C-alpha atoms as a PDB file:
ATOM      1  CA  MET A   1     -42.587 -32.383  36.633  1.00  0.00           C
ATOM      2  CA  ALA A   2     -45.635 -32.163  34.426  1.00  0.00           C
ATOM      3  CA  VAL A   3     -47.718 -29.027  34.341  1.00  0.00           C
ATOM      4  CA  THR A   4     -51.468 -29.549  34.516  1.00  0.00           C
ATOM      5  CA  GLN A   5     -54.151 -27.280  33.886  1.00  0.00           C
ATOM      6  CA  PRO A   6     -57.408 -26.949  35.970  1.00  0.00           C
ATOM      7  CA  ASP A   7     -60.164 -29.427  35.127  1.00  0.00           C
ATOM      8  CA  ASP A   8     -62.782 -26.441  34.500  1.00  0.00           C
ATOM      9  CA  LEU A   9     -60.368 -24.808  32.028  1.00  0.00           C
ATOM     10  CA  PRO A  10     -62.524 -24.848  28.941  1.00  0.00           C
ATOM     11  CA  PRO A  11     -60.819 -26.251  25.742  1.00  0.00           C
ATOM     12  CA  MET A  12     -60.097 -23.509  23.302  1.00  0.00           C
ATOM     13  CA  PRO A  13     -62.487 -23.540  20.118  1.00  0.00           C
ATOM     14  CA  GLY A  14     -61.194 -25.121  16.782  1.00  0.00           C
ATOM     15  CA  LYS A  15     -62.094 -21.602  15.040  1.00  0.00           C
ATOM     16  CA  VAL A  16     -59.547 -19.701  17.692  1.00  0.00           C
ATOM     17  CA  LYS A  17     -56.957 -22.395  17.073  1.00  0.00           C
ATOM     18  CA  LEU A  18     -57.031 -21.764  13.393  1.00  0.00           C
ATOM     19  CA  ILE A  19     -56.691 -18.056  13.654  1.00  0.00           C
ATOM     20  CA  ALA A  20     -53.880 -18.812  16.177  1.00  0.00           C
ATOM     21  CA  ALA A  21     -52.134 -20.816  13.414  1.00  0.00           C
ATOM     22  CA  ILE A  22     -52.431 -18.418  10.879  1.00  0.00           C
ATOM     23  CA  TYR A  23     -50.664 -15.870  13.147  1.00  0.00           C
ATOM     24  CA  LEU A  24     -48.070 -18.539  13.636  1.00  0.00           C
ATOM     25  CA  LEU A  25     -47.497 -19.303  10.089  1.00  0.00           C
ATOM     26  CA  SER A  26     -47.196 -15.188   9.430  1.00  0.00           C
ATOM     27  CA  THR A  27     -44.674 -15.136  12.376  1.00  0.00           C
ATOM     28  CA  ILE A  28     -42.634 -18.003  10.892  1.00  0.00           C
ATOM     29  CA  ILE A  29     -42.566 -16.439   7.291  1.00  0.00           C
ATOM     30  CA  ASP A  30     -41.425 -13.253   9.027  1.00  0.00           C
ATOM     31  CA  LEU A  31     -38.852 -14.984  11.199  1.00  0.00           C
ATOM     32  CA  VAL A  32     -37.511 -16.432   7.775  1.00  0.00           C
ATOM     33  CA  ASN A  33     -37.331 -13.257   6.090  1.00  0.00           C
ATOM     34  CA  LEU A  34     -35.527 -11.454   8.985  1.00  0.00           C
ATOM     35  CA  GLY A  35     -33.023 -14.239   8.876  1.00  0.00           C
ATOM     36  CA  ARG A  36     -32.552 -14.049   5.188  1.00  0.00           C
ATOM     37  CA  TYR A  37     -32.364 -10.237   4.618  1.00  0.00           C
ATOM     38  CA  GLY A  38     -30.861  -9.017   7.809  1.00  0.00           C
ATOM     39  CA  SER A  39     -32.441  -7.311  10.545  1.00  0.00           C
ATOM     40  CA  ALA A  40     -34.968  -4.810   9.469  1.00  0.00           C
ATOM     41  CA  ARG A  41     -36.679  -3.109  12.118  1.00  0.00           C
ATOM     42  CA  SER A  42     -40.145  -3.091  10.520  1.00  0.00           C
ATOM     43  CA  THR A  43     -39.954  -7.071  10.283  1.00  0.00           C
ATOM     44  CA  PHE A  44     -38.712  -7.300  13.697  1.00  0.00           C
ATOM     45  CA  GLY A  45     -41.579  -4.893  15.144  1.00  0.00           C
ATOM     46  CA  ARG A  46     -44.022  -7.086  13.064  1.00  0.00           C
ATOM     47  CA  VAL A  47     -42.761 -10.418  14.676  1.00  0.00           C
ATOM     48  CA  VAL A  48     -42.777  -8.855  18.215  1.00  0.00           C
ATOM     49  CA  LEU A  49     -46.639  -7.807  17.540  1.00  0.00           C
ATOM     50  CA  GLU A  50     -47.488 -11.089  16.012  1.00  0.00           C
ATOM     51  CA  LEU A  51     -46.212 -12.963  18.842  1.00  0.00           C
ATOM     52  CA  THR A  52     -47.896 -10.604  21.407  1.00  0.00           C
ATOM     53  CA  ILE A  53     -51.211 -11.088  19.500  1.00  0.00           C
ATOM     54  CA  LEU A  54     -50.749 -14.816  19.436  1.00  0.00           C
ATOM     55  CA  LEU A  55     -50.162 -14.961  23.197  1.00  0.00           C
ATOM     56  CA  LEU A  56     -52.963 -12.874  23.972  1.00  0.00           C
ATOM     57  CA  LEU A  57     -55.281 -14.599  21.778  1.00  0.00           C
ATOM     58  CA  CYS A  58     -54.193 -18.245  23.317  1.00  0.00           C
ATOM     59  CA  VAL A  59     -54.851 -16.723  26.914  1.00  0.00           C
ATOM     60  CA  GLY A  60     -58.196 -15.280  26.166  1.00  0.00           C
ATOM     61  CA  SER A  61     -57.886 -11.790  26.176  1.00  0.00           C
ATOM     62  CA  ASP A  62     -61.571 -10.207  25.068  1.00  0.00           C
ATOM     63  CA  ARG A  63     -59.646  -7.094  24.019  1.00  0.00           C
ATOM     64  CA  VAL A  64     -57.401  -8.923  21.353  1.00  0.00           C
ATOM     65  CA  ARG A  65     -60.599 -10.274  20.066  1.00  0.00           C
ATOM     66  CA  ALA A  66     -62.440  -7.130  19.458  1.00  0.00           C
ATOM     67  CA  VAL A  67     -59.065  -5.645  18.071  1.00  0.00           C
ATOM     68  CA  LEU A  68     -58.644  -8.512  15.762  1.00  0.00           C
ATOM     69  CA  ARG A  69     -62.478  -8.168  14.722  1.00  0.00           C
ATOM     70  CA  LEU A  70     -61.989  -4.720  13.799  1.00  0.00           C
ATOM     71  CA  LEU A  71     -58.574  -5.441  11.720  1.00  0.00           C
ATOM     72  CA  GLY A  72     -60.551  -8.250   9.911  1.00  0.00           C
ATOM     73  CA  VAL A  73     -63.217  -5.551   8.839  1.00  0.00           C
ATOM     74  CA  VAL A  74     -60.339  -3.530   7.574  1.00  0.00           C
ATOM     75  CA  GLY A  75     -58.893  -6.014   5.841  1.00  0.00           C
ATOM     76  CA  VAL A  76     -62.173  -7.290   4.113  1.00  0.00           C
ATOM     77  CA  LEU A  77     -62.432  -4.023   2.978  1.00  0.00           C
ATOM     78  CA  ALA A  78     -58.655  -3.504   1.594  1.00  0.00           C
ATOM     79  CA  GLY A  79     -58.768  -6.960   0.332  1.00  0.00           C
ATOM     80  CA  GLY A  80     -61.716  -5.972  -1.705  1.00  0.00           C
ATOM     81  CA  MET A  81     -60.116  -3.189  -2.983  1.00  0.00           C
ATOM     82  CA  LEU A  82     -57.186  -5.402  -4.256  1.00  0.00           C
ATOM     83  CA  VAL A  83     -59.726  -7.778  -5.799  1.00  0.00           C
ATOM     84  CA  HIS A  84     -61.213  -4.803  -7.630  1.00  0.00           C
ATOM     85  CA  HIS A  85     -57.950  -3.215  -8.770  1.00  0.00           C
ATOM     86  CA  GLY A  86     -56.484  -6.773  -9.964  1.00  0.00           C
ATOM     87  CA  ALA A  87     -59.935  -7.016 -12.091  1.00  0.00           C
ATOM     88  CA  THR A  88     -59.191  -3.636 -13.524  1.00  0.00           C
ATOM     89  CA  ILE A  89     -55.912  -4.313 -14.604  1.00  0.00           C
ATOM     90  CA  GLY A  90     -57.173  -7.616 -15.981  1.00  0.00           C
ATOM     91  CA  VAL A  91     -56.438 -10.968 -14.722  1.00  0.00           C
ATOM     92  CA  GLU A  92     -54.779 -12.017 -17.973  1.00  0.00           C
ATOM     93  CA  HIS A  93     -51.839  -9.716 -17.039  1.00  0.00           C
ATOM     94  CA  GLU A  94     -49.397 -11.026 -14.338  1.00  0.00           C
ATOM     95  CA  PRO A  95     -50.118  -7.780 -11.759  1.00  0.00           C
ATOM     96  CA  GLY A  96     -53.658  -7.914 -12.161  1.00  0.00           C
ATOM     97  CA  LEU A  97     -53.694 -11.798 -11.683  1.00  0.00           C
ATOM     98  CA  VAL A  98     -51.190 -11.330  -8.559  1.00  0.00           C
ATOM     99  CA  GLY A  99     -53.507  -8.451  -7.039  1.00  0.00           C
ATOM    100  CA  PHE A 100     -56.630 -10.472  -7.701  1.00  0.00           C
ATOM    101  CA  VAL A 101     -55.565 -13.544  -6.143  1.00  0.00           C
ATOM    102  CA  TYR A 102     -53.810 -11.637  -3.149  1.00  0.00           C
ATOM    103  CA  GLY A 103     -56.811  -9.537  -2.501  1.00  0.00           C
ATOM    104  CA  LEU A 104     -59.160 -12.484  -2.549  1.00  0.00           C
ATOM    105  CA  ALA A 105     -56.883 -14.261   0.046  1.00  0.00           C
ATOM    106  CA  VAL A 106     -56.944 -11.411   2.256  1.00  0.00           C
ATOM    107  CA  VAL A 107     -60.751 -11.131   2.083  1.00  0.00           C
ATOM    108  CA  VAL A 108     -61.301 -14.884   2.995  1.00  0.00           C
ATOM    109  CA  VAL A 109     -58.850 -14.846   5.920  1.00  0.00           C
ATOM    110  CA  SER A 110     -60.055 -11.557   7.079  1.00  0.00           C
ATOM    111  CA  GLY A 111     -63.678 -12.354   6.614  1.00  0.00           C
ATOM    112  CA  TYR A 112     -63.296 -15.902   8.411  1.00  0.00           C
ATOM    113  CA  THR A 113     -61.466 -13.699  11.523  1.00  0.00           C
ATOM    114  CA  VAL A 114     -64.550 -11.581  11.863  1.00  0.00           C
ATOM    115  CA  TRP A 115     -66.998 -14.306  11.672  1.00  0.00           C
ATOM    116  CA  ALA A 116     -65.130 -16.806  13.645  1.00  0.00           C
ATOM    117  CA  LEU A 117     -64.433 -14.241  16.585  1.00  0.00           C
ATOM    118  CA  GLY A 118     -67.696 -12.979  16.565  1.00  0.00           C
ATOM    119  CA  SER A 119     -69.553 -16.467  16.844  1.00  0.00           C
ATOM    120  CA  PRO A 120     -71.206 -17.388  20.101  1.00  0.00           C
ATOM    121  CA  ASP A 121     -69.221 -20.300  20.933  1.00  0.00           C
ATOM    122  CA  VAL A 122     -66.053 -18.394  20.770  1.00  0.00           C
ATOM    123  CA  ARG A 123     -67.381 -15.194  22.415  1.00  0.00           C
ATOM    124  CA  ALA A 124     -68.417 -17.549  25.275  1.00  0.00           C
ATOM    125  CA  TRP A 125     -65.142 -19.300  25.450  1.00  0.00           C
ATOM    126  CA  PHE A 126     -63.700 -16.004  26.028  1.00  0.00           C
ATOM    127  CA  ARG A 127     -66.080 -15.036  28.744  1.00  0.00           C
ATOM    128  CA  ARG A 128     -65.657 -18.408  30.579  1.00  0.00           C
ATOM    129  CA  VAL A 129     -61.589 -17.838  30.225  1.00  0.00           C
ATOM    130  CA  ARG A 130     -62.001 -14.037  31.730  1.00  0.00           C
ATOM    131  CA  ASP A 131     -64.528 -15.243  34.519  1.00  0.00           C
ATOM    132  CA  LEU A 132     -62.047 -17.908  35.540  1.00  0.00           C
ATOM    133  CA  ALA A 133     -58.934 -15.439  35.551  1.00  0.00           C
ATOM    134  CA  GLN A 134     -61.224 -13.037  37.789  1.00  0.00           C
ATOM    135  CA  ASP A 135     -61.838 -15.885  40.165  1.00  0.00           C
ATOM    136  CA  GLU A 136     -58.486 -16.461  40.822  1.00  0.00           C
ATOM    137  CA  ASP A 137     -57.724 -12.858  41.404  1.00  0.00           C
END
């Protein structure tokens, strides 16, 4: 028996799908690390947290949207510090290059998250999903 969605359920914007895909990739990497290196409690906790965020993001929780935007701002600041630190060490040295590239990746992903989750179409989608959930109650 196939599960069908209501016709009035709005489709998830591509921006949210991309952010969900990034969290899914991070979860998969943590699961591989958990399987390879044993049962680290911190990795297990991170997997549970990532899956919870992923689930709430996909069902349209506006609170998770706000929390992820806040974490994105923190990520931009932290990534900027890594970029600065990597550039200070010097990109011709391996530690400096790694810090610079990793910091740049954190800035790009976090900046995209802040921008995407704050865009009007994404906010409207979260509002419509919330309104539909309230109508069902």
